[in-house]
């Protein structure tokens, strides 16, 4: 029996980069960045206000910036995909 999940890709990520601090948090908590990127790219925005979630949905079609926020241990990781879809960055909120 195949229990794999099919992900719906809503937008392209472009070049993926991460700050050293974000990588340190992911490493400390043994979280694979690919897992968070898959969530982000498939419309699971993590812990964001409802207004931001709705804005992200609009941004998928109208080409604005997309921001997700995930709790990783006691830290928060933001993932931001630029409006032109040229790049996606994993960072800590205080690095924005």
PDB file of N, CA and C in Angstrom:
ATOM      1  N   UNK A   1       0.842  -1.180   0.000  1.00  0.00           N
ATOM      2  CA  UNK A   1       0.000   0.000   0.000  1.00  0.00           C
ATOM      3  C   UNK A   1       0.885   1.240   0.000  1.00  0.00           C
ATOM      4  N   UNK A   2       0.618   2.169  -0.887  1.00  0.00           N
ATOM      5  CA  UNK A   2       1.388   3.396  -1.007  1.00  0.00           C
ATOM      6  C   UNK A   2       0.759   4.470  -0.137  1.00  0.00           C
ATOM      7  N   UNK A   3       1.481   4.941   0.858  1.00  0.00           N
ATOM      8  CA  UNK A   3       0.933   5.953   1.766  1.00  0.00           C
ATOM      9  C   UNK A   3       1.545   7.325   1.516  1.00  0.00           C
ATOM     10  N   UNK A   4       2.213   7.504   0.377  1.00  0.00           N
ATOM     11  CA  UNK A   4       2.840   8.795   0.096  1.00  0.00           C
ATOM     12  C   UNK A   4       1.768   9.850  -0.173  1.00  0.00           C
ATOM     13  N   UNK A   5       2.121  11.078   0.143  1.00  0.00           N
ATOM     14  CA  UNK A   5       1.228  12.207  -0.040  1.00  0.00           C
ATOM     15  C   UNK A   5       1.641  12.958  -1.293  1.00  0.00           C
ATOM     16  N   UNK A   6       0.653  13.360  -2.074  1.00  0.00           N
ATOM     17  CA  UNK A   6       0.921  14.164  -3.259  1.00  0.00           C
ATOM     18  C   UNK A   6       0.794  15.631  -2.862  1.00  0.00           C
ATOM     19  N   UNK A   7       1.882  16.381  -3.035  1.00  0.00           N
ATOM     20  CA  UNK A   7       1.871  17.799  -2.710  1.00  0.00           C
ATOM     21  C   UNK A   7       1.457  18.610  -3.923  1.00  0.00           C
ATOM     22  N   UNK A   8       0.642  19.600  -3.698  1.00  0.00           N
ATOM     23  CA  UNK A   8       0.266  20.534  -4.745  1.00  0.00           C
ATOM     24  C   UNK A   8       1.233  21.707  -4.654  1.00  0.00           C
ATOM     25  N   UNK A   9       1.950  21.956  -5.713  1.00  0.00           N
ATOM     26  CA  UNK A   9       2.910  23.048  -5.762  1.00  0.00           C
ATOM     27  C   UNK A   9       2.182  24.286  -6.271  1.00  0.00           C
ATOM     28  N   UNK A  10       2.083  25.321  -5.426  1.00  0.00           N
ATOM     29  CA  UNK A  10       1.335  26.524  -5.772  1.00  0.00           C
ATOM     30  C   UNK A  10       2.175  27.577  -6.481  1.00  0.00           C
ATOM     31  N   UNK A  11       3.493  27.537  -6.276  1.00  0.00           N
ATOM     32  CA  UNK A  11       4.373  28.549  -6.873  1.00  0.00           C
ATOM     33  C   UNK A  11       5.807  28.039  -6.842  1.00  0.00           C
ATOM     34  N   UNK A  12       6.645  28.647  -7.646  1.00  0.00           N
ATOM     35  CA  UNK A  12       8.063  28.300  -7.701  1.00  0.00           C
ATOM     36  C   UNK A  12       8.807  29.024  -6.585  1.00  0.00           C
ATOM     37  N   UNK A  13       9.858  28.400  -6.087  1.00  0.00           N
ATOM     38  CA  UNK A  13      10.650  28.983  -5.005  1.00  0.00           C
ATOM     39  C   UNK A  13      11.816  29.830  -5.503  1.00  0.00           C
ATOM     40  N   UNK A  14      12.272  29.597  -6.717  1.00  0.00           N
ATOM     41  CA  UNK A  14      13.472  30.267  -7.186  1.00  0.00           C
ATOM     42  C   UNK A  14      14.682  29.724  -6.437  1.00  0.00           C
ATOM     43  N   UNK A  15      15.729  30.533  -6.307  1.00  0.00           N
ATOM     44  CA  UNK A  15      16.919  30.121  -5.570  1.00  0.00           C
ATOM     45  C   UNK A  15      16.601  30.143  -4.085  1.00  0.00           C
ATOM     46  N   UNK A  16      16.884  29.049  -3.397  1.00  0.00           N
ATOM     47  CA  UNK A  16      16.607  28.944  -1.958  1.00  0.00           C
ATOM     48  C   UNK A  16      17.891  29.235  -1.193  1.00  0.00           C
ATOM     49  N   UNK A  17      17.785  30.177  -0.248  1.00  0.00           N
ATOM     50  CA  UNK A  17      18.913  30.534   0.609  1.00  0.00           C
ATOM     51  C   UNK A  17      18.431  30.571   2.047  1.00  0.00           C
ATOM     52  N   UNK A  18      19.378  30.492   2.974  1.00  0.00           N
ATOM     53  CA  UNK A  18      19.045  30.536   4.400  1.00  0.00           C
ATOM     54  C   UNK A  18      20.140  31.275   5.141  1.00  0.00           C
ATOM     55  N   UNK A  19      19.743  31.973   6.180  1.00  0.00           N
ATOM     56  CA  UNK A  19      20.728  32.644   7.014  1.00  0.00           C
ATOM     57  C   UNK A  19      21.404  31.607   7.910  1.00  0.00           C
ATOM     58  N   UNK A  20      22.623  31.883   8.343  1.00  0.00           N
ATOM     59  CA  UNK A  20      23.300  30.956   9.259  1.00  0.00           C
ATOM     60  C   UNK A  20      22.489  30.706  10.535  1.00  0.00           C
ATOM     61  N   UNK A  21      21.828  31.734  11.056  1.00  0.00           N
ATOM     62  CA  UNK A  21      21.034  31.563  12.278  1.00  0.00           C
ATOM     63  C   UNK A  21      19.851  30.634  12.056  1.00  0.00           C
ATOM     64  N   UNK A  22      19.197  30.752  10.909  1.00  0.00           N
ATOM     65  CA  UNK A  22      18.080  29.859  10.604  1.00  0.00           C
ATOM     66  C   UNK A  22      18.568  28.423  10.477  1.00  0.00           C
ATOM     67  N   UNK A  23      19.695  28.239   9.816  1.00  0.00           N
ATOM     68  CA  UNK A  23      20.252  26.891   9.678  1.00  0.00           C
ATOM     69  C   UNK A  23      20.630  26.311  11.033  1.00  0.00           C
ATOM     70  N   UNK A  24      21.127  27.148  11.919  1.00  0.00           N
ATOM     71  CA  UNK A  24      21.493  26.685  13.259  1.00  0.00           C
ATOM     72  C   UNK A  24      20.265  26.199  14.029  1.00  0.00           C
ATOM     73  N   UNK A  25      19.164  26.938  13.944  1.00  0.00           N
ATOM     74  CA  UNK A  25      17.924  26.531  14.619  1.00  0.00           C
ATOM     75  C   UNK A  25      17.424  25.206  14.045  1.00  0.00           C
ATOM     76  N   UNK A  26      17.406  25.091  12.732  1.00  0.00           N
ATOM     77  CA  UNK A  26      16.947  23.855  12.099  1.00  0.00           C
ATOM     78  C   UNK A  26      17.825  22.678  12.523  1.00  0.00           C
ATOM     79  N   UNK A  27      19.130  22.889  12.528  1.00  0.00           N
ATOM     80  CA  UNK A  27      20.057  21.827  12.908  1.00  0.00           C
ATOM     81  C   UNK A  27      19.857  21.430  14.372  1.00  0.00           C
ATOM     82  N   UNK A  28      19.722  22.417  15.236  1.00  0.00           N
ATOM     83  CA  UNK A  28      19.550  22.161  16.677  1.00  0.00           C
ATOM     84  C   UNK A  28      18.303  21.324  16.950  1.00  0.00           C
ATOM     85  N   UNK A  29      17.235  21.559  16.174  1.00  0.00           N
ATOM     86  CA  UNK A  29      15.978  20.842  16.372  1.00  0.00           C
ATOM     87  C   UNK A  29      15.818  19.640  15.435  1.00  0.00           C
ATOM     88  N   UNK A  30      16.843  19.350  14.643  1.00  0.00           N
ATOM     89  CA  UNK A  30      16.821  18.238  13.682  1.00  0.00           C
ATOM     90  C   UNK A  30      15.624  18.324  12.746  1.00  0.00           C
ATOM     91  N   UNK A  31      15.377  19.536  12.227  1.00  0.00           N
ATOM     92  CA  UNK A  31      14.295  19.769  11.271  1.00  0.00           C
ATOM     93  C   UNK A  31      14.920  19.988   9.902  1.00  0.00           C
ATOM     94  N   UNK A  32      14.436  19.259   8.913  1.00  0.00           N
ATOM     95  CA  UNK A  32      14.935  19.392   7.554  1.00  0.00           C
ATOM     96  C   UNK A  32      14.269  20.599   6.897  1.00  0.00           C
ATOM     97  N   UNK A  33      15.063  21.491   6.352  1.00  0.00           N
ATOM     98  CA  UNK A  33      14.529  22.684   5.687  1.00  0.00           C
ATOM     99  C   UNK A  33      13.569  22.305   4.558  1.00  0.00           C
ATOM    100  N   UNK A  34      13.819  21.200   3.886  1.00  0.00           N
ATOM    101  CA  UNK A  34      12.951  20.769   2.779  1.00  0.00           C
ATOM    102  C   UNK A  34      11.520  20.552   3.237  1.00  0.00           C
ATOM    103  N   UNK A  35      11.353  20.062   4.449  1.00  0.00           N
ATOM    104  CA  UNK A  35      10.013  19.833   4.994  1.00  0.00           C
ATOM    105  C   UNK A  35       9.256  21.149   5.111  1.00  0.00           C
ATOM    106  N   UNK A  36       9.906  22.162   5.650  1.00  0.00           N
ATOM    107  CA  UNK A  36       9.255  23.472   5.780  1.00  0.00           C
ATOM    108  C   UNK A  36       9.011  24.100   4.413  1.00  0.00           C
ATOM    109  N   UNK A  37       9.954  23.940   3.506  1.00  0.00           N
ATOM    110  CA  UNK A  37       9.782  24.498   2.157  1.00  0.00           C
ATOM    111  C   UNK A  37       8.608  23.849   1.434  1.00  0.00           C
ATOM    112  N   UNK A  38       8.431  22.544   1.623  1.00  0.00           N
ATOM    113  CA  UNK A  38       7.286  21.853   1.020  1.00  0.00           C
ATOM    114  C   UNK A  38       5.972  22.386   1.586  1.00  0.00           C
ATOM    115  N   UNK A  39       5.925  22.606   2.889  1.00  0.00           N
ATOM    116  CA  UNK A  39       4.726  23.182   3.500  1.00  0.00           C
ATOM    117  C   UNK A  39       4.442  24.553   2.902  1.00  0.00           C
ATOM    118  N   UNK A  40       5.457  25.398   2.879  1.00  0.00           N
ATOM    119  CA  UNK A  40       5.345  26.756   2.349  1.00  0.00           C
ATOM    120  C   UNK A  40       4.833  26.737   0.903  1.00  0.00           C
ATOM    121  N   UNK A  41       5.444  25.921   0.083  1.00  0.00           N
ATOM    122  CA  UNK A  41       5.127  25.879  -1.345  1.00  0.00           C
ATOM    123  C   UNK A  41       3.749  25.282  -1.633  1.00  0.00           C
ATOM    124  N   UNK A  42       3.214  24.503  -0.680  1.00  0.00           N
ATOM    125  CA  UNK A  42       1.905  23.877  -0.907  1.00  0.00           C
ATOM    126  C   UNK A  42       0.766  24.609  -0.193  1.00  0.00           C
ATOM    127  N   UNK A  43       1.071  25.755   0.436  1.00  0.00           N
ATOM    128  CA  UNK A  43       0.003  26.572   1.016  1.00  0.00           C
ATOM    129  C   UNK A  43      -0.240  26.375   2.499  1.00  0.00           C
ATOM    130  N   UNK A  44       0.630  25.621   3.169  1.00  0.00           N
ATOM    131  CA  UNK A  44       0.566  25.527   4.629  1.00  0.00           C
ATOM    132  C   UNK A  44       1.495  26.612   5.150  1.00  0.00           C
ATOM    133  N   UNK A  45       0.927  27.753   5.512  1.00  0.00           N
ATOM    134  CA  UNK A  45       1.708  28.940   5.863  1.00  0.00           C
ATOM    135  C   UNK A  45       2.224  28.899   7.297  1.00  0.00           C
ATOM    136  N   UNK A  46       1.912  27.856   8.049  1.00  0.00           N
ATOM    137  CA  UNK A  46       2.365  27.762   9.427  1.00  0.00           C
ATOM    138  C   UNK A  46       1.504  28.605  10.347  1.00  0.00           C
ATOM    139  N   UNK A  47       2.158  29.329  11.249  1.00  0.00           N
ATOM    140  CA  UNK A  47       1.461  30.117  12.268  1.00  0.00           C
ATOM    141  C   UNK A  47       1.458  31.584  11.827  1.00  0.00           C
ATOM    142  N   UNK A  48       0.450  31.944  11.049  1.00  0.00           N
ATOM    143  CA  UNK A  48       0.286  33.331  10.611  1.00  0.00           C
ATOM    144  C   UNK A  48      -1.151  33.764  10.893  1.00  0.00           C
ATOM    145  N   UNK A  49      -1.369  35.065  11.098  1.00  0.00           N
ATOM    146  CA  UNK A  49      -2.744  35.548  11.269  1.00  0.00           C
ATOM    147  C   UNK A  49      -3.593  35.226  10.033  1.00  0.00           C
ATOM    148  N   UNK A  50      -4.884  35.085  10.238  1.00  0.00           N
ATOM    149  CA  UNK A  50      -5.791  34.743   9.131  1.00  0.00           C
ATOM    150  C   UNK A  50      -5.682  35.742   7.976  1.00  0.00           C
ATOM    151  N   UNK A  51      -5.537  37.020   8.295  1.00  0.00           N
ATOM    152  CA  UNK A  51      -5.396  38.028   7.233  1.00  0.00           C
ATOM    153  C   UNK A  51      -4.158  37.774   6.378  1.00  0.00           C
ATOM    154  N   UNK A  52      -3.063  37.387   7.024  1.00  0.00           N
ATOM    155  CA  UNK A  52      -1.835  37.090   6.291  1.00  0.00           C
ATOM    156  C   UNK A  52      -1.996  35.834   5.442  1.00  0.00           C
ATOM    157  N   UNK A  53      -2.698  34.844   5.965  1.00  0.00           N
ATOM    158  CA  UNK A  53      -2.947  33.618   5.196  1.00  0.00           C
ATOM    159  C   UNK A  53      -3.763  33.935   3.947  1.00  0.00           C
ATOM    160  N   UNK A  54      -4.776  34.770   4.096  1.00  0.00           N
ATOM    161  CA  UNK A  54      -5.591  35.171   2.939  1.00  0.00           C
ATOM    162  C   UNK A  54      -4.755  35.968   1.940  1.00  0.00           C
ATOM    163  N   UNK A  55      -3.894  36.848   2.452  1.00  0.00           N
ATOM    164  CA  UNK A  55      -3.020  37.625   1.564  1.00  0.00           C
ATOM    165  C   UNK A  55      -2.066  36.710   0.803  1.00  0.00           C
ATOM    166  N   UNK A  56      -1.545  35.676   1.479  1.00  0.00           N
ATOM    167  CA  UNK A  56      -0.677  34.717   0.799  1.00  0.00           C
ATOM    168  C   UNK A  56      -1.414  34.030  -0.343  1.00  0.00           C
ATOM    169  N   UNK A  57      -2.655  33.639  -0.113  1.00  0.00           N
ATOM    170  CA  UNK A  57      -3.430  32.989  -1.178  1.00  0.00           C
ATOM    171  C   UNK A  57      -3.593  33.914  -2.379  1.00  0.00           C
ATOM    172  N   UNK A  58      -3.878  35.180  -2.107  1.00  0.00           N
ATOM    173  CA  UNK A  58      -3.975  36.159  -3.197  1.00  0.00           C
ATOM    174  C   UNK A  58      -2.625  36.338  -3.887  1.00  0.00           C
ATOM    175  N   UNK A  59      -1.566  36.333  -3.106  1.00  0.00           N
ATOM    176  CA  UNK A  59      -0.224  36.540  -3.645  1.00  0.00           C
ATOM    177  C   UNK A  59       0.214  35.418  -4.579  1.00  0.00           C
ATOM    178  N   UNK A  60      -0.306  34.228  -4.361  1.00  0.00           N
ATOM    179  CA  UNK A  60       0.020  33.109  -5.244  1.00  0.00           C
ATOM    180  C   UNK A  60      -0.396  33.447  -6.673  1.00  0.00           C
ATOM    181  N   UNK A  61      -1.553  34.078  -6.825  1.00  0.00           N
ATOM    182  CA  UNK A  61      -2.050  34.371  -8.171  1.00  0.00           C
ATOM    183  C   UNK A  61      -1.665  35.758  -8.676  1.00  0.00           C
ATOM    184  N   UNK A  62      -1.520  36.731  -7.767  1.00  0.00           N
ATOM    185  CA  UNK A  62      -1.224  38.081  -8.260  1.00  0.00           C
ATOM    186  C   UNK A  62       0.249  38.449  -8.181  1.00  0.00           C
ATOM    187  N   UNK A  63       1.088  37.512  -7.762  1.00  0.00           N
ATOM    188  CA  UNK A  63       2.528  37.712  -7.839  1.00  0.00           C
ATOM    189  C   UNK A  63       3.142  38.597  -6.775  1.00  0.00           C
ATOM    190  N   UNK A  64       2.564  38.650  -5.588  1.00  0.00           N
ATOM    191  CA  UNK A  64       3.182  39.390  -4.494  1.00  0.00           C
ATOM    192  C   UNK A  64       4.022  38.452  -3.636  1.00  0.00           C
ATOM    193  N   UNK A  65       4.733  39.027  -2.697  1.00  0.00           N
ATOM    194  CA  UNK A  65       5.582  38.271  -1.775  1.00  0.00           C
ATOM    195  C   UNK A  65       4.734  37.316  -0.929  1.00  0.00           C
ATOM    196  N   UNK A  66       5.298  36.146  -0.598  1.00  0.00           N
ATOM    197  CA  UNK A  66       4.608  35.142   0.214  1.00  0.00           C
ATOM    198  C   UNK A  66       5.453  34.895   1.457  1.00  0.00           C
ATOM    199  N   UNK A  67       4.813  34.948   2.639  1.00  0.00           N
ATOM    200  CA  UNK A  67       5.520  34.755   3.896  1.00  0.00           C
ATOM    201  C   UNK A  67       4.847  33.670   4.728  1.00  0.00           C
ATOM    202  N   UNK A  68       5.642  32.697   5.152  1.00  0.00           N
ATOM    203  CA  UNK A  68       5.183  31.669   6.081  1.00  0.00           C
ATOM    204  C   UNK A  68       5.986  31.798   7.367  1.00  0.00           C
ATOM    205  N   UNK A  69       5.409  31.299   8.455  1.00  0.00           N
ATOM    206  CA  UNK A  69       6.066  31.375   9.757  1.00  0.00           C
ATOM    207  C   UNK A  69       5.850  30.050  10.484  1.00  0.00           C
ATOM    208  N   UNK A  70       6.953  29.402  10.865  1.00  0.00           N
ATOM    209  CA  UNK A  70       6.876  28.084  11.494  1.00  0.00           C
ATOM    210  C   UNK A  70       7.582  28.101  12.844  1.00  0.00           C
ATOM    211  N   UNK A  71       6.963  27.484  13.828  1.00  0.00           N
ATOM    212  CA  UNK A  71       7.613  27.295  15.115  1.00  0.00           C
ATOM    213  C   UNK A  71       8.531  26.085  15.011  1.00  0.00           C
ATOM    214  N   UNK A  72       9.792  26.287  15.373  1.00  0.00           N
ATOM    215  CA  UNK A  72      10.784  25.218  15.366  1.00  0.00           C
ATOM    216  C   UNK A  72      11.402  25.225  16.760  1.00  0.00           C
ATOM    217  N   UNK A  73      10.970  24.283  17.580  1.00  0.00           N
ATOM    218  CA  UNK A  73      11.351  24.327  18.982  1.00  0.00           C
ATOM    219  C   UNK A  73      10.746  25.581  19.597  1.00  0.00           C
ATOM    220  N   UNK A  74      11.568  26.371  20.243  1.00  0.00           N
ATOM    221  CA  UNK A  74      11.099  27.622  20.835  1.00  0.00           C
ATOM    222  C   UNK A  74      11.338  28.812  19.915  1.00  0.00           C
ATOM    223  N   UNK A  75      11.891  28.554  18.747  1.00  0.00           N
ATOM    224  CA  UNK A  75      12.202  29.616  17.793  1.00  0.00           C
ATOM    225  C   UNK A  75      11.179  29.640  16.662  1.00  0.00           C
ATOM    226  N   UNK A  76      11.217  30.724  15.943  1.00  0.00           N
ATOM    227  CA  UNK A  76      10.341  30.887  14.785  1.00  0.00           C
ATOM    228  C   UNK A  76      11.221  31.057  13.554  1.00  0.00           C
ATOM    229  N   UNK A  77      10.856  30.349  12.489  1.00  0.00           N
ATOM    230  CA  UNK A  77      11.534  30.481  11.194  1.00  0.00           C
ATOM    231  C   UNK A  77      10.546  31.098  10.215  1.00  0.00           C
ATOM    232  N   UNK A  78      10.967  32.152   9.559  1.00  0.00           N
ATOM    233  CA  UNK A  78      10.175  32.727   8.478  1.00  0.00           C
ATOM    234  C   UNK A  78      10.712  32.200   7.159  1.00  0.00           C
ATOM    235  N   UNK A  79       9.807  31.972   6.227  1.00  0.00           N
ATOM    236  CA  UNK A  79      10.172  31.663   4.849  1.00  0.00           C
ATOM    237  C   UNK A  79       9.490  32.707   3.978  1.00  0.00           C
ATOM    238  N   UNK A  80      10.288  33.414   3.211  1.00  0.00           N
ATOM    239  CA  UNK A  80       9.769  34.474   2.353  1.00  0.00           C
ATOM    240  C   UNK A  80      10.149  34.176   0.910  1.00  0.00           C
ATOM    241  N   UNK A  81       9.139  34.099   0.050  1.00  0.00           N
ATOM    242  CA  UNK A  81       9.357  33.978  -1.387  1.00  0.00           C
ATOM    243  C   UNK A  81       9.087  35.340  -1.999  1.00  0.00           C
ATOM    244  N   UNK A  82      10.059  35.840  -2.744  1.00  0.00           N
ATOM    245  CA  UNK A  82       9.951  37.175  -3.338  1.00  0.00           C
ATOM    246  C   UNK A  82       8.852  37.223  -4.396  1.00  0.00           C
ATOM    247  N   UNK A  83       8.347  38.416  -4.612  1.00  0.00           N
ATOM    248  CA  UNK A  83       7.229  38.619  -5.539  1.00  0.00           C
ATOM    249  C   UNK A  83       7.541  38.090  -6.938  1.00  0.00           C
ATOM    250  N   UNK A  84       8.779  38.257  -7.404  1.00  0.00           N
ATOM    251  CA  UNK A  84       9.128  37.796  -8.752  1.00  0.00           C
ATOM    252  C   UNK A  84       9.499  36.317  -8.794  1.00  0.00           C
ATOM    253  N   UNK A  85       9.398  35.636  -7.637  1.00  0.00           N
ATOM    254  CA  UNK A  85       9.673  34.198  -7.487  1.00  0.00           C
ATOM    255  C   UNK A  85      11.118  33.846  -7.830  1.00  0.00           C
ATOM    256  N   UNK A  86      12.013  34.831  -7.762  1.00  0.00           N
ATOM    257  CA  UNK A  86      13.418  34.576  -8.066  1.00  0.00           C
ATOM    258  C   UNK A  86      14.142  33.907  -6.908  1.00  0.00           C
ATOM    259  N   UNK A  87      13.643  34.117  -5.674  1.00  0.00           N
ATOM    260  CA  UNK A  87      14.323  33.528  -4.527  1.00  0.00           C
ATOM    261  C   UNK A  87      13.378  33.342  -3.349  1.00  0.00           C
ATOM    262  N   UNK A  88      13.788  32.421  -2.492  1.00  0.00           N
ATOM    263  CA  UNK A  88      13.088  32.137  -1.241  1.00  0.00           C
ATOM    264  C   UNK A  88      14.139  32.085  -0.144  1.00  0.00           C
ATOM    265  N   UNK A  89      13.849  32.767   0.976  1.00  0.00           N
ATOM    266  CA  UNK A  89      14.811  32.856   2.068  1.00  0.00           C
ATOM    267  C   UNK A  89      14.223  32.306   3.351  1.00  0.00           C
ATOM    268  N   UNK A  90      15.006  31.492   4.049  1.00  0.00           N
ATOM    269  CA  UNK A  90      14.681  31.044   5.396  1.00  0.00           C
ATOM    270  C   UNK A  90      15.481  31.921   6.347  1.00  0.00           C
ATOM    271  N   UNK A  91      14.811  32.546   7.324  1.00  0.00           N
ATOM    272  CA  UNK A  91      15.476  33.448   8.247  1.00  0.00           C
ATOM    273  C   UNK A  91      14.704  33.532   9.551  1.00  0.00           C
ATOM    274  N   UNK A  92      15.343  34.112  10.548  1.00  0.00           N
ATOM    275  CA  UNK A  92      14.669  34.390  11.804  1.00  0.00           C
ATOM    276  C   UNK A  92      13.995  35.754  11.683  1.00  0.00           C
ATOM    277  N   UNK A  93      12.853  35.957  12.346  1.00  0.00           N
ATOM    278  CA  UNK A  93      12.138  37.248  12.230  1.00  0.00           C
ATOM    279  C   UNK A  93      13.026  38.450  12.531  1.00  0.00           C
ATOM    280  N   UNK A  94      13.902  38.337  13.529  1.00  0.00           N
ATOM    281  CA  UNK A  94      14.741  39.475  13.887  1.00  0.00           C
ATOM    282  C   UNK A  94      15.791  39.802  12.832  1.00  0.00           C
ATOM    283  N   UNK A  95      15.950  38.911  11.828  1.00  0.00           N
ATOM    284  CA  UNK A  95      16.892  39.165  10.747  1.00  0.00           C
ATOM    285  C   UNK A  95      16.260  39.880   9.561  1.00  0.00           C
ATOM    286  N   UNK A  96      14.965  40.113   9.633  1.00  0.00           N
ATOM    287  CA  UNK A  96      14.257  40.732   8.509  1.00  0.00           C
ATOM    288  C   UNK A  96      14.551  42.200   8.452  1.00  0.00           C
TER     289      UNK A  96
END
